[in-house]
Amino acid sequence: MAVGDLSMPTMHDIAGIRIGITESYIRYKNRRDLVVFEICEGAQVAAVFTKNAFCAAPVQLARHHLAVAAPRYLVINTGNANAGTGLQGMETAAETCQALANLTTAAAQPVSANQVLPFSTGVIGEQLPVDRLIAGLPHAIADLKVNGWNEAASGIMTTDTLPKGASEIIEVEGQRYTITGISKGAGMIRPNMATMLAFVATDAPIAKPLVEQLLKAVVEQSFNRITIDGDTSTNDACVLVATGKAGGTLIESAQDSRYEALFTALQRVFTRLAQLIVRDGEGATKFISVRVEQGLNSQECCDIAYSVAHSPLIKTAFFASDPNWGRILAAVGKAGVPELDVSKIQVWLDDVQICRDGGAAPDYREEQGARVMQQEEITIRIALGRGSASDTVWTCDLSYDYVKINADYRS
C-alpha cells in the first residue's frame, strides 16, 4: 500500500541516453526484468555503491570498471541479486559485460567489457541464471530508444508496487537543462552510500570531478536520509550521468554561476526518488518525517533521527495510530549522543507538542496525539536544546504486510 502521490511525471528524454527493456526470465515469466542503458561517447559517469562488506559481484565489478574506463552501457537485471555467490558470481557478472560488449562489435564505436557496468537486484545467495540473461541482451539492444524511462522504471522493480521516476527541465542563463531519473526499492532499505538502485541522467555539460562531487552531495541529503527497515542491501547503487548534449561551456566547479540552480534541481529529483521509495515501503501505510533540531552537529541529529526511525516499537505504534510518545523518548535516549541533557528535550507530532523539557507537555491531551496519528503523513520534530544544527530522515510505519511480504519473499 503506497502512501501519498506516487504517480509518474512526464519523463523527459535525455539526449545521449537510449534505453532498452526485455523479458529474460531471470525469476518470473511475463515480467520484463532486463534493462540496458546506452550512454553516448564523451558522457561523464559517476556512481556510489553500498558499504555492505558482503557487496554483490556486480557491485564489485562495476566499481572496478568505473575506475578503469569510461562507461558506455549499464545492464540491470531483477529477480536475482548475484550476491553471496562467490567466484562464480564474479565470473557471471564479467560474462554479462563481455556478452553485451560483443553485441557492439558491428557498431561504429564498439565497446570493451570494462565499459559496461552491471547491476543486479533480487534474491541473495542464488546463482544468477546467466544464460537466460545473455539470451535476453540482443532483444534489449534491439529495443533501445530515447523514450524508455517509464518502461525502465518498471523493469528494475522487485517488491515495489509502482514504478518510481522524477524529471525536470530548468532554464539557467538562457540554457535549458533536463534531468530525469528512476529508482527502485521497497524493502531492505537503510541506504549507506546509495539506495537499492537509482539511475539519473542530465544533458548538462559537467566536468567529471564535479559530477562525482554533485552525486555525493545530493545522495547524502536524499538516499542517505531514508530508511524502511534499517537493513543495508548488498546491491545498493546510484548512478549519475551527464551527457553534455545540451551544449554550452563546461561547468567545472561550484563557482560557476550555473552551478547552484543545477545543484538545487538535482537535489529535488534525488529527494523525490528517495522519498518515493519510503512511500512505497513494503506494507507502508504512513510516511513519517523525523526532524531533529538544535543539535551540536548534523551527525548527532542523524543519530537520533535514525534511532527513532529504526525503532520497531515506534513504527508499529504509528501503524496502529497509537500516540505512544514514550517510545520516542526512549529512542532519543538510546541514540548514544554524549552528555545529552534530557531536561531540554522538546517533541512535537506535527503541531502538537507532546513533550516539554523532558516530560509530558502540561497542556497535551491524548486525543490531540490520536488526531495526528490518523494522518497518512506525519512529522516527528525533536528539539535538543544544544546548538543550531538540524537534519531530517524519512521513514514509514511497520505493518502486518511487511512481515507477510518478507516471509513469502522467495515463494
Protein backbone atom coordinates (compact mmCIF):
# COMPACT_ATOMS: atom_id res chain seq x y z
CA MET A 1 0.00 0.00 0.00
CA ALA A 2 1.68 3.19 -1.18
CA VAL A 3 1.39 6.43 0.78
CA GLY A 4 0.60 9.69 -1.00
CA ASP A 5 1.13 10.51 -4.65
CA LEU A 6 3.47 8.09 -6.45
CA SER A 7 2.33 8.95 -9.95
CA MET A 8 4.94 9.06 -12.67
CA PRO A 9 5.57 12.55 -14.08
CA THR A 10 6.28 13.31 -17.71
CA MET A 11 9.66 11.62 -18.13
CA HIS A 12 11.67 13.91 -20.38
CA ASP A 13 14.15 12.31 -22.77
CA ILE A 14 17.85 12.89 -22.14
CA ALA A 15 19.86 13.45 -25.32
CA GLY A 16 22.69 10.91 -25.39
CA ILE A 17 20.77 8.21 -23.49
CA ARG A 18 18.89 5.28 -25.02
CA ILE A 19 17.17 2.54 -23.02
CA GLY A 20 16.09 -0.98 -23.95
CA ILE A 21 13.92 -3.35 -21.89
CA THR A 22 13.10 -7.02 -22.36
CA GLU A 23 11.94 -10.20 -20.65
CA SER A 24 14.75 -12.64 -19.89
CA TYR A 25 13.01 -14.98 -17.41
CA ILE A 26 15.54 -14.38 -14.62
CA ARG A 27 12.98 -15.40 -11.99
CA TYR A 28 9.45 -14.92 -13.31
CA LYS A 29 7.62 -15.33 -16.60
CA ASN A 30 5.69 -12.49 -18.21
CA ARG A 31 7.87 -9.92 -16.46
CA ARG A 32 10.31 -7.58 -18.21
CA ASP A 33 13.33 -7.93 -15.99
CA LEU A 34 16.34 -6.81 -18.05
CA VAL A 35 17.18 -3.17 -18.76
CA VAL A 36 20.07 -1.77 -20.80
CA PHE A 37 21.15 1.89 -20.82
CA GLU A 38 23.27 3.06 -23.75
CA ILE A 39 25.36 6.15 -22.90
CA CYS A 40 26.83 8.39 -25.57
CA GLU A 41 30.55 8.72 -26.03
CA GLY A 42 32.00 11.60 -24.05
CA ALA A 43 29.44 11.45 -21.26
CA GLN A 44 30.66 11.75 -17.69
CA VAL A 45 29.53 9.00 -15.30
CA ALA A 46 29.77 8.77 -11.52
CA ALA A 47 28.39 6.15 -9.15
CA VAL A 48 28.21 5.38 -5.46
CA PHE A 49 27.74 1.91 -4.03
CA THR A 50 26.77 0.08 -0.87
CA LYS A 51 29.20 -0.09 2.05
CA ASN A 52 27.91 -3.55 2.95
CA ALA A 53 31.01 -5.77 3.28
CA PHE A 54 29.09 -8.57 1.54
CA CYS A 55 28.61 -6.42 -1.55
CA ALA A 56 27.36 -8.25 -4.61
CA ALA A 57 29.51 -9.37 -7.52
CA PRO A 58 28.08 -6.74 -9.90
CA VAL A 59 28.89 -4.02 -7.34
CA GLN A 60 32.50 -5.18 -7.15
CA LEU A 61 32.84 -5.37 -10.92
CA ALA A 62 31.07 -2.06 -11.57
CA ARG A 63 33.42 -0.31 -9.14
CA HIS A 64 36.41 -1.75 -10.97
CA HIS A 65 35.11 -0.93 -14.45
CA LEU A 66 34.24 2.63 -13.43
CA ALA A 67 37.81 3.12 -12.22
CA VAL A 68 39.47 1.95 -15.44
CA ALA A 69 37.23 3.01 -18.33
CA ALA A 70 34.53 5.43 -19.47
CA PRO A 71 31.18 3.60 -19.18
CA ARG A 72 29.07 3.25 -22.33
CA TYR A 73 26.44 0.77 -21.13
CA LEU A 74 24.59 -0.12 -17.94
CA VAL A 75 22.93 -3.55 -17.71
CA ILE A 76 20.42 -4.18 -14.92
CA ASN A 77 18.59 -7.38 -14.04
CA THR A 78 15.94 -8.00 -11.40
CA GLY A 79 14.90 -11.23 -9.68
CA ASN A 80 18.41 -12.25 -8.65
CA ALA A 81 20.98 -10.15 -6.74
CA ASN A 82 24.06 -12.20 -7.69
CA ALA A 83 25.22 -11.58 -4.11
CA GLY A 84 26.79 -14.16 -1.83
CA THR A 85 27.69 -16.11 -4.96
CA GLY A 86 31.49 -16.23 -4.63
CA LEU A 87 33.85 -16.62 -7.57
CA GLN A 88 31.11 -17.97 -9.82
CA GLY A 89 29.10 -14.81 -9.24
CA MET A 90 32.06 -12.67 -10.29
CA GLU A 91 32.51 -14.77 -13.42
CA THR A 92 28.81 -14.40 -14.19
CA ALA A 93 28.97 -10.60 -13.87
CA ALA A 94 32.05 -10.48 -16.11
CA GLU A 95 30.40 -12.81 -18.64
CA THR A 96 27.39 -10.49 -18.77
CA CYS A 97 29.57 -7.45 -19.53
CA GLN A 98 31.53 -9.32 -22.20
CA ALA A 99 28.35 -10.58 -23.85
CA LEU A 100 26.95 -7.06 -24.10
CA ALA A 101 30.25 -5.72 -25.43
CA ASN A 102 30.26 -8.46 -28.07
CA LEU A 103 26.93 -7.17 -29.37
CA THR A 104 28.53 -3.81 -30.22
CA THR A 105 31.29 -5.18 -32.47
CA ALA A 106 29.43 -4.19 -35.62
CA ALA A 107 28.79 -0.69 -34.35
CA ALA A 108 30.77 2.32 -35.47
CA GLN A 109 32.21 2.58 -31.98
CA PRO A 110 32.38 -0.91 -30.40
CA VAL A 111 32.96 -1.01 -26.65
CA SER A 112 35.03 -3.23 -24.39
CA ALA A 113 33.68 -5.27 -21.49
CA ASN A 114 35.08 -2.83 -18.95
CA GLN A 115 32.91 -0.09 -20.45
CA VAL A 116 29.82 -1.98 -19.23
CA LEU A 117 28.58 -1.54 -15.65
CA PRO A 118 26.45 -4.43 -14.32
CA PHE A 119 23.71 -4.10 -11.68
CA SER A 120 21.53 -6.79 -10.12
CA THR A 121 18.72 -6.85 -7.58
CA GLY A 122 16.59 -9.61 -6.10
CA VAL A 123 17.19 -12.75 -4.07
CA ILE A 124 20.59 -13.02 -2.33
CA GLY A 125 22.61 -16.23 -2.28
CA GLU A 126 21.39 -17.85 -5.51
CA GLN A 127 23.46 -18.09 -8.67
CA LEU A 128 22.30 -15.79 -11.46
CA PRO A 129 20.98 -17.74 -14.49
CA VAL A 130 23.43 -16.01 -16.80
CA ASP A 131 22.45 -17.95 -19.92
CA ARG A 132 18.93 -16.51 -19.73
CA LEU A 133 20.29 -13.01 -19.14
CA ILE A 134 22.69 -13.21 -22.08
CA ALA A 135 19.94 -14.58 -24.30
CA GLY A 136 17.88 -11.51 -23.48
CA LEU A 137 20.58 -8.96 -24.27
CA PRO A 138 20.07 -8.85 -28.09
CA HIS A 139 16.37 -8.12 -27.51
CA ALA A 140 17.19 -5.31 -25.07
CA ILE A 141 19.69 -3.84 -27.55
CA ALA A 142 17.13 -4.06 -30.34
CA ASP A 143 14.66 -2.19 -28.12
CA LEU A 144 16.99 0.78 -27.44
CA LYS A 145 15.11 4.07 -27.66
CA VAL A 146 15.31 7.58 -26.22
CA ASN A 147 11.91 7.43 -24.51
CA GLY A 148 12.39 4.26 -22.48
CA TRP A 149 12.44 5.79 -18.99
CA ASN A 150 8.92 4.75 -17.96
CA GLU A 151 9.43 1.17 -19.07
CA ALA A 152 12.84 1.05 -17.39
CA ALA A 153 11.30 2.21 -14.11
CA SER A 154 9.03 -0.85 -14.25
CA GLY A 155 11.80 -3.12 -15.48
CA ILE A 156 14.01 -2.58 -12.40
CA MET A 157 11.25 -3.24 -9.82
CA THR A 158 11.25 -6.12 -7.33
CA THR A 159 8.76 -5.85 -4.44
CA ASP A 160 7.91 -2.28 -5.49
CA THR A 161 4.19 -1.81 -6.09
CA LEU A 162 4.69 1.07 -8.52
CA PRO A 163 7.47 2.40 -10.79
CA LYS A 164 9.33 5.45 -9.48
CA GLY A 165 10.51 8.39 -11.53
CA ALA A 166 11.28 12.10 -11.43
CA SER A 167 12.06 14.56 -14.20
CA GLU A 168 12.62 18.31 -14.56
CA ILE A 169 13.56 20.87 -17.18
CA ILE A 170 15.21 24.01 -15.87
CA GLU A 171 16.45 27.15 -17.59
CA VAL A 172 19.70 28.68 -16.43
CA GLU A 173 21.15 31.78 -18.08
CA GLY A 174 19.13 31.13 -21.21
CA GLN A 175 20.15 27.46 -21.44
CA ARG A 176 17.71 24.57 -20.91
CA TYR A 177 18.91 21.54 -18.94
CA THR A 178 16.94 18.32 -18.46
CA ILE A 179 17.24 15.93 -15.51
CA THR A 180 15.46 12.55 -15.47
CA GLY A 181 15.84 9.60 -13.12
CA ILE A 182 14.34 6.36 -11.85
CA SER A 183 14.75 4.41 -8.63
CA LYS A 184 13.61 1.13 -7.16
CA GLY A 185 13.32 -0.20 -3.65
CA ALA A 186 10.65 -1.00 -1.08
CA GLY A 187 12.41 -3.19 1.49
CA MET A 188 15.95 -3.82 2.75
CA ILE A 189 16.27 -0.06 2.82
CA ARG A 190 18.71 1.76 5.01
CA PRO A 191 20.94 3.13 2.30
CA ASN A 192 24.55 3.51 3.27
CA MET A 193 26.11 5.50 0.41
CA ALA A 194 23.26 4.95 -2.07
CA THR A 195 19.87 3.29 -2.36
CA MET A 196 18.72 -0.05 -3.73
CA LEU A 197 19.10 1.11 -7.34
CA ALA A 198 18.84 4.57 -8.89
CA PHE A 199 19.80 5.92 -12.30
CA VAL A 200 19.73 9.65 -13.04
CA ALA A 201 20.89 11.49 -16.15
CA THR A 202 21.17 15.08 -17.29
CA ASP A 203 22.14 16.66 -20.57
CA ALA A 204 24.08 19.43 -18.78
CA PRO A 205 27.79 19.75 -19.67
CA ILE A 206 29.50 18.92 -16.37
CA ALA A 207 33.16 18.01 -15.81
CA LYS A 208 33.70 14.54 -14.35
CA PRO A 209 35.16 15.65 -10.99
CA LEU A 210 32.13 17.87 -10.50
CA VAL A 211 29.73 15.07 -11.49
CA GLU A 212 31.29 12.95 -8.74
CA GLN A 213 31.09 15.83 -6.26
CA LEU A 214 27.47 16.57 -7.13
CA LEU A 215 26.45 12.94 -6.83
CA LYS A 216 27.96 12.51 -3.37
CA ALA A 217 26.41 15.75 -2.15
CA VAL A 218 22.86 15.07 -3.35
CA VAL A 219 22.94 11.39 -2.30
CA GLU A 220 23.97 12.38 1.21
CA GLN A 221 20.84 14.51 1.64
CA SER A 222 18.42 12.20 -0.18
CA PHE A 223 19.09 8.47 -0.41
CA ASN A 224 21.24 8.58 2.71
CA ARG A 225 18.33 10.05 4.66
CA ILE A 226 15.79 7.27 4.20
CA THR A 227 15.09 4.01 6.00
CA ILE A 228 12.33 1.42 5.85
CA ASP A 229 13.71 -1.41 7.96
CA GLY A 230 17.28 -0.48 8.84
CA ASP A 231 18.82 -3.08 6.50
CA THR A 232 21.54 -2.01 4.07
CA SER A 233 21.40 -4.01 0.85
CA THR A 234 24.31 -5.91 -0.70
CA ASN A 235 23.48 -4.31 -4.05
CA ASP A 236 22.89 -0.61 -3.38
CA ALA A 237 23.99 1.59 -6.26
CA CYS A 238 23.25 5.05 -7.59
CA VAL A 239 24.49 6.38 -10.93
CA LEU A 240 24.59 9.94 -12.29
CA VAL A 241 25.30 10.54 -15.99
CA ALA A 242 25.99 13.94 -17.56
CA THR A 243 25.85 13.61 -21.35
CA GLY A 244 26.72 17.23 -22.13
CA LYS A 245 24.31 17.19 -25.09
CA ALA A 246 22.61 20.42 -24.01
CA GLY A 247 25.73 22.18 -25.25
CA GLY A 248 27.43 25.27 -23.89
CA THR A 249 30.62 25.68 -21.94
CA LEU A 250 31.67 23.04 -19.43
CA ILE A 251 30.58 23.50 -15.81
CA GLU A 252 33.76 22.73 -13.92
CA SER A 253 33.30 23.99 -10.37
CA ALA A 254 30.84 25.16 -7.72
CA GLN A 255 31.95 28.71 -8.51
CA ASP A 256 30.28 28.54 -11.94
CA SER A 257 27.23 30.82 -11.99
CA ARG A 258 25.07 27.93 -13.27
CA TYR A 259 26.07 25.52 -10.51
CA GLU A 260 23.59 26.49 -7.80
CA ALA A 261 20.50 26.16 -9.98
CA LEU A 262 21.69 22.82 -11.33
CA PHE A 263 22.56 21.52 -7.86
CA THR A 264 19.15 22.55 -6.50
CA ALA A 265 17.32 20.84 -9.37
CA LEU A 266 19.35 17.66 -8.94
CA GLN A 267 18.58 17.74 -5.23
CA ARG A 268 14.85 17.96 -5.94
CA VAL A 269 14.99 14.99 -8.33
CA PHE A 270 17.07 12.85 -5.96
CA THR A 271 14.91 13.73 -2.96
CA ARG A 272 11.76 12.82 -4.86
CA LEU A 273 13.24 9.47 -5.93
CA ALA A 274 14.35 8.73 -2.37
CA GLN A 275 11.02 9.66 -0.80
CA LEU A 276 9.15 7.55 -3.36
CA ILE A 277 11.00 4.51 -2.01
CA VAL A 278 9.74 5.26 1.51
CA ARG A 279 6.22 5.99 0.28
CA ASP A 280 6.23 2.57 -1.39
CA GLY A 281 7.82 0.82 1.60
CA GLU A 282 6.77 -2.79 1.97
CA GLY A 283 3.39 -2.71 3.73
CA ALA A 284 3.67 1.03 4.48
CA THR A 285 0.56 2.98 5.49
CA LYS A 286 2.27 6.11 6.90
CA PHE A 287 5.02 8.43 5.59
CA ILE A 288 6.97 9.79 8.55
CA SER A 289 9.47 12.66 8.61
CA VAL A 290 11.78 12.66 11.64
CA ARG A 291 13.30 16.12 12.05
CA VAL A 292 15.88 16.73 14.76
CA GLU A 293 16.77 20.35 15.54
CA GLN A 294 19.06 22.29 17.88
CA GLY A 295 21.84 19.70 17.76
CA LEU A 296 25.55 20.38 18.09
CA ASN A 297 26.17 18.92 14.62
CA SER A 298 24.44 17.09 11.80
CA GLN A 299 25.84 13.72 12.88
CA GLU A 300 24.14 13.69 16.27
CA CYS A 301 20.91 14.90 14.70
CA CYS A 302 21.07 11.97 12.27
CA ASP A 303 21.97 9.52 15.05
CA ILE A 304 18.84 10.48 16.95
CA ALA A 305 16.64 10.65 13.85
CA TYR A 306 17.70 7.16 12.77
CA SER A 307 17.28 5.81 16.30
CA VAL A 308 13.66 6.95 16.14
CA ALA A 309 13.12 5.90 12.52
CA HIS A 310 14.53 2.40 13.07
CA SER A 311 12.59 1.62 16.25
CA PRO A 312 10.09 -1.21 15.61
CA LEU A 313 8.17 -0.07 18.70
CA ILE A 314 7.67 3.40 17.23
CA LYS A 315 6.96 2.11 13.73
CA THR A 316 4.31 -0.35 14.91
CA ALA A 317 2.71 2.32 17.11
CA PHE A 318 2.39 4.55 14.06
CA PHE A 319 0.79 1.69 12.12
CA ALA A 320 -1.77 1.36 14.93
CA SER A 321 -2.21 5.18 15.09
CA ASP A 322 -1.26 4.98 18.78
CA PRO A 323 0.40 8.20 20.11
CA ASN A 324 2.64 6.23 22.48
CA TRP A 325 5.16 9.06 22.69
CA GLY A 326 7.22 7.49 25.48
CA ARG A 327 8.71 5.22 22.83
CA ILE A 328 10.07 8.29 21.04
CA LEU A 329 11.82 9.46 24.21
CA ALA A 330 13.33 6.00 24.70
CA ALA A 331 14.68 6.04 21.13
CA VAL A 332 16.19 9.51 21.63
CA GLY A 333 17.89 8.33 24.80
CA LYS A 334 19.39 5.18 23.27
CA ALA A 335 20.97 7.01 20.33
CA GLY A 336 24.25 7.40 22.23
CA VAL A 337 24.56 11.19 21.96
CA PRO A 338 27.13 12.19 24.62
CA GLU A 339 26.12 14.45 27.50
CA LEU A 340 22.55 14.77 26.28
CA ASP A 341 20.54 16.88 28.72
CA VAL A 342 17.11 15.25 28.54
CA SER A 343 15.56 18.10 30.56
CA LYS A 344 15.92 20.26 27.42
CA ILE A 345 14.18 17.85 25.04
CA GLN A 346 11.04 19.04 23.24
CA VAL A 347 8.97 16.76 20.98
CA TRP A 348 6.09 17.51 18.61
CA LEU A 349 3.79 15.38 16.47
CA ASP A 350 3.14 17.86 13.66
CA ASP A 351 1.78 20.91 15.50
CA VAL A 352 1.04 19.11 18.77
CA GLN A 353 3.72 19.33 21.47
CA ILE A 354 3.76 16.05 23.36
CA CYS A 355 6.97 16.52 25.37
CA ARG A 356 8.20 19.71 27.04
CA ASP A 357 11.51 19.94 28.90
CA GLY A 358 11.91 16.18 29.00
CA GLY A 359 8.45 15.34 30.32
CA ALA A 360 4.82 15.37 29.25
CA ALA A 361 3.72 18.77 27.96
CA PRO A 362 1.25 20.05 30.61
CA ASP A 363 -1.39 21.00 28.05
CA TYR A 364 -1.05 17.82 25.96
CA ARG A 365 -4.15 15.67 25.62
CA GLU A 366 -4.25 12.12 24.25
CA GLU A 367 -6.96 12.99 21.73
CA GLN A 368 -4.62 15.59 20.18
CA GLY A 369 -1.96 12.97 19.51
CA ALA A 370 -4.56 10.49 18.29
CA ARG A 371 -5.81 13.06 15.77
CA VAL A 372 -2.34 13.50 14.26
CA MET A 373 -1.68 9.76 14.21
CA GLN A 374 -4.68 9.19 11.94
CA GLN A 375 -2.91 11.12 9.16
CA GLU A 376 -1.07 9.40 6.32
CA GLU A 377 1.83 11.86 6.58
CA ILE A 378 3.27 12.84 9.96
CA THR A 379 6.30 14.80 11.15
CA ILE A 380 8.06 13.96 14.41
CA ARG A 381 10.01 17.07 15.43
CA ILE A 382 12.60 16.82 18.20
CA ALA A 383 14.46 19.83 19.62
CA LEU A 384 17.61 19.02 21.62
CA GLY A 385 18.41 22.47 23.01
CA ARG A 386 22.14 22.02 22.31
CA GLY A 387 23.01 24.05 19.21
CA SER A 388 21.88 25.15 15.75
CA ALA A 389 22.34 22.00 13.63
CA SER A 390 19.37 20.14 12.18
CA ASP A 391 18.67 17.19 9.89
CA THR A 392 15.76 15.08 8.65
CA VAL A 393 15.27 11.36 8.00
CA TRP A 394 12.27 9.88 6.19
CA THR A 395 10.73 6.55 7.12
CA CYS A 396 7.45 4.64 7.22
CA ASP A 397 5.47 2.54 9.65
CA LEU A 398 5.82 -1.23 10.13
CA SER A 399 2.69 -3.18 9.35
CA TYR A 400 1.49 -6.78 9.20
CA ASP A 401 2.05 -6.73 5.46
CA TYR A 402 5.78 -6.04 5.86
CA VAL A 403 6.12 -9.36 7.68
CA LYS A 404 3.96 -11.17 5.11
CA ILE A 405 5.92 -9.78 2.15
CA ASN A 406 9.29 -10.75 3.60
CA ALA A 407 8.14 -14.11 4.96
CA ASP A 408 6.97 -15.07 1.46
CA TYR A 409 9.74 -13.30 -0.49
CA ARG A 410 11.25 -16.42 -2.08
CA SER A 411 7.99 -18.28 -2.68
